[in-house]
Every structure is written in C-alpha cells, then in structure tokens.
Amino acid sequence: IEVLRPRYFFPMHFGYDYQTTERFKQQIANLGLSAQVFVIQEQGQTFTLND
C-alpha cells in the first residue's frame, strides 16, 4: 500500500473475522496513508464508489 498508494482499498482474506478490516483501517490511518480503507461488516456487503 505504501508503494502503490491506491485511492481505495478493500481488505480481503480475513475469514469471518470482520473486525480485522476495522483494525486494518486504523493501521493505515496511523501510517498517514491516504487510501480510503473500506470496513467490511458482513458477507455480501456492497459498496458504491463515487469519483
């Protein structure tokens, strides 16, 4: 993430431990990176990106 600097980031491969995505979002914020990390709360959740 530090090298690619994506605008949006969706954490994946965390099984059903959805709290992992919230922790990941906090870690990215603590690093001062500007990627918008989406918090996943349930299977099948959808997201809309507006540019």
N, C-alpha and C. Protein backbone atom coordinates (compact mmCIF):
# COMPACT_ATOMS: atom_id res chain seq x y z
N ILE A 1 0.83 -1.19 0.00
CA ILE A 1 0.00 0.00 0.00
C ILE A 1 0.87 1.24 0.00
N GLU A 2 1.96 1.21 0.73
CA GLU A 2 2.84 2.38 0.77
C GLU A 2 3.45 2.66 -0.60
N VAL A 3 3.72 1.62 -1.38
CA VAL A 3 4.34 1.79 -2.69
C VAL A 3 3.31 2.14 -3.75
N LEU A 4 2.20 1.41 -3.77
CA LEU A 4 1.19 1.61 -4.82
C LEU A 4 0.31 2.83 -4.58
N ARG A 5 0.10 3.20 -3.33
CA ARG A 5 -0.73 4.35 -2.96
C ARG A 5 -2.11 4.33 -3.64
N PRO A 6 -2.90 3.27 -3.41
CA PRO A 6 -4.23 3.22 -4.03
C PRO A 6 -5.16 4.26 -3.41
N ARG A 7 -6.15 4.66 -4.17
CA ARG A 7 -7.16 5.58 -3.66
C ARG A 7 -8.13 4.83 -2.74
N TYR A 8 -8.50 3.62 -3.14
CA TYR A 8 -9.43 2.78 -2.37
C TYR A 8 -8.76 1.46 -2.06
N PHE A 9 -9.09 0.90 -0.90
CA PHE A 9 -8.53 -0.40 -0.53
C PHE A 9 -9.60 -1.22 0.19
N PHE A 10 -9.78 -2.45 -0.27
CA PHE A 10 -10.71 -3.38 0.35
C PHE A 10 -9.92 -4.53 0.95
N PRO A 11 -9.84 -4.63 2.27
CA PRO A 11 -9.13 -5.76 2.88
C PRO A 11 -9.81 -7.08 2.51
N MET A 12 -9.01 -8.10 2.29
CA MET A 12 -9.54 -9.41 1.90
C MET A 12 -8.79 -10.50 2.64
N HIS A 13 -9.32 -11.71 2.56
CA HIS A 13 -8.67 -12.91 3.10
C HIS A 13 -8.54 -12.85 4.62
N PHE A 14 -9.62 -12.50 5.30
CA PHE A 14 -9.63 -12.42 6.75
C PHE A 14 -10.64 -13.39 7.36
N GLY A 15 -11.17 -14.30 6.54
CA GLY A 15 -12.16 -15.24 7.04
C GLY A 15 -13.43 -14.50 7.44
N TYR A 16 -13.98 -14.88 8.56
CA TYR A 16 -15.20 -14.23 9.05
C TYR A 16 -14.91 -13.30 10.23
N ASP A 17 -13.64 -12.96 10.42
CA ASP A 17 -13.26 -12.03 11.49
C ASP A 17 -13.34 -10.61 10.93
N TYR A 18 -14.55 -10.08 10.87
CA TYR A 18 -14.78 -8.78 10.23
C TYR A 18 -14.11 -7.63 10.97
N GLN A 19 -13.80 -7.80 12.24
CA GLN A 19 -13.11 -6.75 12.99
C GLN A 19 -11.72 -6.49 12.43
N THR A 20 -11.18 -7.47 11.71
CA THR A 20 -9.87 -7.31 11.09
C THR A 20 -9.85 -6.10 10.17
N THR A 21 -10.94 -5.86 9.45
CA THR A 21 -10.95 -4.75 8.50
C THR A 21 -10.92 -3.40 9.22
N GLU A 22 -11.57 -3.32 10.38
CA GLU A 22 -11.53 -2.07 11.16
C GLU A 22 -10.11 -1.83 11.70
N ARG A 23 -9.47 -2.89 12.18
CA ARG A 23 -8.10 -2.75 12.68
C ARG A 23 -7.15 -2.35 11.56
N PHE A 24 -7.35 -2.92 10.38
CA PHE A 24 -6.51 -2.60 9.24
C PHE A 24 -6.69 -1.13 8.85
N LYS A 25 -7.92 -0.66 8.86
CA LYS A 25 -8.19 0.75 8.53
C LYS A 25 -7.44 1.67 9.50
N GLN A 26 -7.44 1.31 10.78
CA GLN A 26 -6.75 2.12 11.78
C GLN A 26 -5.24 2.10 11.56
N GLN A 27 -4.70 0.95 11.20
CA GLN A 27 -3.26 0.85 10.95
C GLN A 27 -2.85 1.74 9.78
N ILE A 28 -3.64 1.75 8.73
CA ILE A 28 -3.35 2.59 7.56
C ILE A 28 -3.40 4.06 7.95
N ALA A 29 -4.39 4.44 8.75
CA ALA A 29 -4.50 5.83 9.21
C ALA A 29 -3.30 6.20 10.07
N ASN A 30 -2.85 5.28 10.92
CA ASN A 30 -1.70 5.55 11.78
C ASN A 30 -0.42 5.76 10.98
N LEU A 31 -0.35 5.15 9.81
CA LEU A 31 0.82 5.32 8.94
C LEU A 31 0.75 6.63 8.15
N GLY A 32 -0.40 7.30 8.21
CA GLY A 32 -0.56 8.56 7.49
C GLY A 32 -0.81 8.38 6.01
N LEU A 33 -1.26 7.19 5.62
CA LEU A 33 -1.54 6.94 4.20
C LEU A 33 -2.95 7.42 3.88
N SER A 34 -3.15 7.85 2.64
CA SER A 34 -4.42 8.47 2.27
C SER A 34 -5.43 7.50 1.66
N ALA A 35 -5.10 6.23 1.54
CA ALA A 35 -6.03 5.27 0.95
C ALA A 35 -7.31 5.20 1.78
N GLN A 36 -8.44 5.20 1.10
CA GLN A 36 -9.71 5.02 1.79
C GLN A 36 -9.91 3.52 1.98
N VAL A 37 -9.82 3.05 3.20
CA VAL A 37 -9.96 1.64 3.51
C VAL A 37 -11.42 1.39 3.88
N PHE A 38 -12.03 0.44 3.20
CA PHE A 38 -13.43 0.12 3.45
C PHE A 38 -13.53 -0.94 4.52
N VAL A 39 -14.40 -0.72 5.49
CA VAL A 39 -14.62 -1.67 6.56
C VAL A 39 -15.74 -2.62 6.12
N ILE A 40 -15.44 -3.89 6.12
CA ILE A 40 -16.40 -4.91 5.73
C ILE A 40 -17.04 -5.45 7.00
N GLN A 41 -18.38 -5.46 7.02
CA GLN A 41 -19.10 -5.86 8.22
C GLN A 41 -19.89 -7.14 8.06
N GLU A 42 -20.09 -7.59 6.83
CA GLU A 42 -20.87 -8.81 6.62
C GLU A 42 -20.61 -9.36 5.23
N GLN A 43 -20.84 -10.65 5.09
CA GLN A 43 -20.68 -11.30 3.80
C GLN A 43 -21.72 -10.75 2.83
N GLY A 44 -21.30 -10.50 1.60
CA GLY A 44 -22.21 -10.00 0.58
C GLY A 44 -22.44 -8.50 0.62
N GLN A 45 -21.76 -7.81 1.50
CA GLN A 45 -21.90 -6.36 1.60
C GLN A 45 -21.47 -5.71 0.29
N THR A 46 -22.16 -4.66 -0.11
CA THR A 46 -21.81 -3.95 -1.34
C THR A 46 -21.36 -2.53 -1.01
N PHE A 47 -20.61 -1.96 -1.93
CA PHE A 47 -20.06 -0.62 -1.76
C PHE A 47 -20.27 0.16 -3.04
N THR A 48 -20.42 1.47 -2.93
CA THR A 48 -20.53 2.35 -4.07
C THR A 48 -19.38 3.35 -4.02
N LEU A 49 -18.65 3.45 -5.12
CA LEU A 49 -17.54 4.39 -5.21
C LEU A 49 -18.00 5.59 -6.03
N ASN A 50 -17.82 6.77 -5.49
CA ASN A 50 -18.17 7.99 -6.20
C ASN A 50 -16.92 8.81 -6.44
N ASP A 51 -16.62 9.06 -7.69
CA ASP A 51 -15.46 9.90 -8.03
C ASP A 51 -15.92 11.25 -8.49
